[in-house]
Amino acid sequence: MVAQHMNLNIRYDAPDEIWDKVPVIYQQLNGWIGFCPKGEPGHEGLPYWFSFNEQEKHISASVEPSGLQFTGLMDTNEWDIWVQKIKEVATRELGYKVGEIELGEVDY
């Protein structure tokens, strides 16, 4: 397993109508386990997939000025499949093309 990272063009300052749909997107993805429980400083309330333990296979997300950031620890092949799925689901649910600015998939 290797460390993984991506930023999606779901902006931190998007309107509530966008952010209200994001948990619906999360729940449609493989490995969804929910939001990190209370008592986990620095991680409390963050969405997680597969495990809350960051030493194990996991994915977590956080809202950053650059967009919705995902980090994880997993095999690259499985990561690539998961990333493709979130982009498809988010594009469908949000009504605009969701992708990685850094890869030239979308504009700001």
Protein backbone atom coordinates (compact mmCIF):
# COMPACT_ATOMS: atom_id res chain seq x y z
CA MET A 1 0.00 0.00 0.00
CA VAL A 2 1.12 3.54 -0.74
CA ALA A 3 0.07 7.03 0.30
CA GLN A 4 -2.50 8.56 -2.08
CA HIS A 5 -3.74 12.11 -2.59
CA MET A 6 -6.11 14.15 -4.77
CA ASN A 7 -8.00 17.44 -4.79
CA LEU A 8 -11.40 17.70 -6.43
CA ASN A 9 -12.92 20.92 -7.73
CA ILE A 10 -15.57 21.02 -5.02
CA ARG A 11 -14.76 24.42 -3.59
CA TYR A 12 -14.74 25.25 0.11
CA ASP A 13 -16.93 28.28 -0.65
CA ALA A 14 -19.50 26.37 -2.71
CA PRO A 15 -23.12 27.13 -1.83
CA ASP A 16 -25.00 25.04 0.74
CA GLU A 17 -26.97 23.34 -2.04
CA ILE A 18 -23.69 21.74 -3.18
CA TRP A 19 -22.37 20.87 0.29
CA ASP A 20 -25.72 19.35 1.30
CA LYS A 21 -25.22 16.76 -1.48
CA VAL A 22 -21.67 15.78 -0.53
CA PRO A 23 -22.64 13.29 2.23
CA VAL A 24 -24.97 11.62 -0.29
CA ILE A 25 -21.96 11.18 -2.58
CA TYR A 26 -19.83 9.77 0.25
CA GLN A 27 -22.40 7.12 1.10
CA GLN A 28 -22.42 5.78 -2.46
CA LEU A 29 -18.71 4.94 -2.43
CA ASN A 30 -17.10 1.62 -1.65
CA GLY A 31 -15.78 1.35 1.89
CA TRP A 32 -17.85 4.17 3.46
CA ILE A 33 -17.77 3.86 7.28
CA GLY A 34 -18.92 7.34 8.30
CA PHE A 35 -17.53 10.37 10.06
CA CYS A 36 -14.70 9.98 12.56
CA PRO A 37 -16.13 9.83 16.09
CA LYS A 38 -15.55 12.33 18.86
CA GLY A 39 -12.34 12.02 20.78
CA GLU A 40 -10.03 11.84 17.78
CA PRO A 41 -8.22 15.21 17.85
CA GLY A 42 -7.55 16.53 14.36
CA HIS A 43 -9.75 13.90 12.74
CA GLU A 44 -13.07 14.28 14.55
CA GLY A 45 -15.93 14.71 12.10
CA LEU A 46 -13.88 13.93 8.97
CA PRO A 47 -15.37 11.40 6.52
CA TYR A 48 -13.61 8.04 6.28
CA TRP A 49 -13.71 4.96 4.12
CA PHE A 50 -12.42 1.47 4.99
CA SER A 51 -10.89 2.33 8.42
CA PHE A 52 -10.48 5.19 10.90
CA ASN A 53 -6.94 3.91 11.56
CA GLU A 54 -4.59 5.74 9.22
CA GLN A 55 -1.97 3.00 9.58
CA GLU A 56 -4.38 0.65 7.77
CA LYS A 57 -6.04 0.88 4.38
CA HIS A 58 -8.16 4.03 4.54
CA ILE A 59 -9.34 7.15 2.75
CA SER A 60 -10.27 10.41 4.43
CA ALA A 61 -11.40 13.78 3.13
CA SER A 62 -11.12 17.38 4.27
CA VAL A 63 -12.26 20.73 2.94
CA GLU A 64 -9.30 22.91 1.94
CA PRO A 65 -8.97 26.23 0.10
CA SER A 66 -7.77 24.24 -2.92
CA GLY A 67 -10.93 22.07 -2.95
CA LEU A 68 -12.13 18.83 -1.44
CA GLN A 69 -8.95 16.96 -0.56
CA PHE A 70 -8.71 13.18 -0.26
CA THR A 71 -5.80 11.27 1.23
CA GLY A 72 -5.43 7.60 1.80
CA LEU A 73 -3.31 4.53 2.15
CA MET A 74 -4.10 1.80 -0.35
CA ASP A 75 -2.95 -0.01 -3.46
CA THR A 76 -2.74 2.27 -6.48
CA ASN A 77 -4.98 0.08 -8.64
CA GLU A 78 -7.77 0.13 -6.05
CA TRP A 79 -7.27 3.88 -5.48
CA ASP A 80 -7.61 4.58 -9.21
CA ILE A 81 -10.91 2.67 -9.36
CA TRP A 82 -12.22 4.48 -6.26
CA VAL A 83 -11.18 7.89 -7.63
CA GLN A 84 -12.94 7.24 -10.94
CA LYS A 85 -16.10 6.26 -9.09
CA ILE A 86 -16.21 9.38 -6.88
CA LYS A 87 -15.71 11.61 -9.90
CA GLU A 88 -18.61 9.89 -11.71
CA VAL A 89 -20.94 9.99 -8.69
CA ALA A 90 -20.05 13.59 -7.79
CA THR A 91 -20.54 14.76 -11.39
CA ARG A 92 -23.97 13.13 -11.48
CA GLU A 93 -25.09 14.36 -8.04
CA LEU A 94 -23.72 17.91 -8.27
CA GLY A 95 -24.65 18.60 -11.87
CA TYR A 96 -21.22 19.76 -13.04
CA LYS A 97 -18.01 17.99 -14.07
CA VAL A 98 -16.03 17.04 -11.00
CA GLY A 99 -12.34 16.30 -11.43
CA GLU A 100 -8.80 17.25 -10.55
CA ILE A 101 -7.63 20.69 -11.59
CA GLU A 102 -4.00 19.56 -11.24
CA LEU A 103 -4.55 16.91 -13.92
CA GLY A 104 -6.27 19.35 -16.28
CA GLU A 105 -9.59 17.49 -16.03
CA VAL A 106 -11.51 20.63 -15.08
CA ASP A 107 -11.07 24.37 -14.72
CA TYR A 108 -11.45 26.35 -11.53
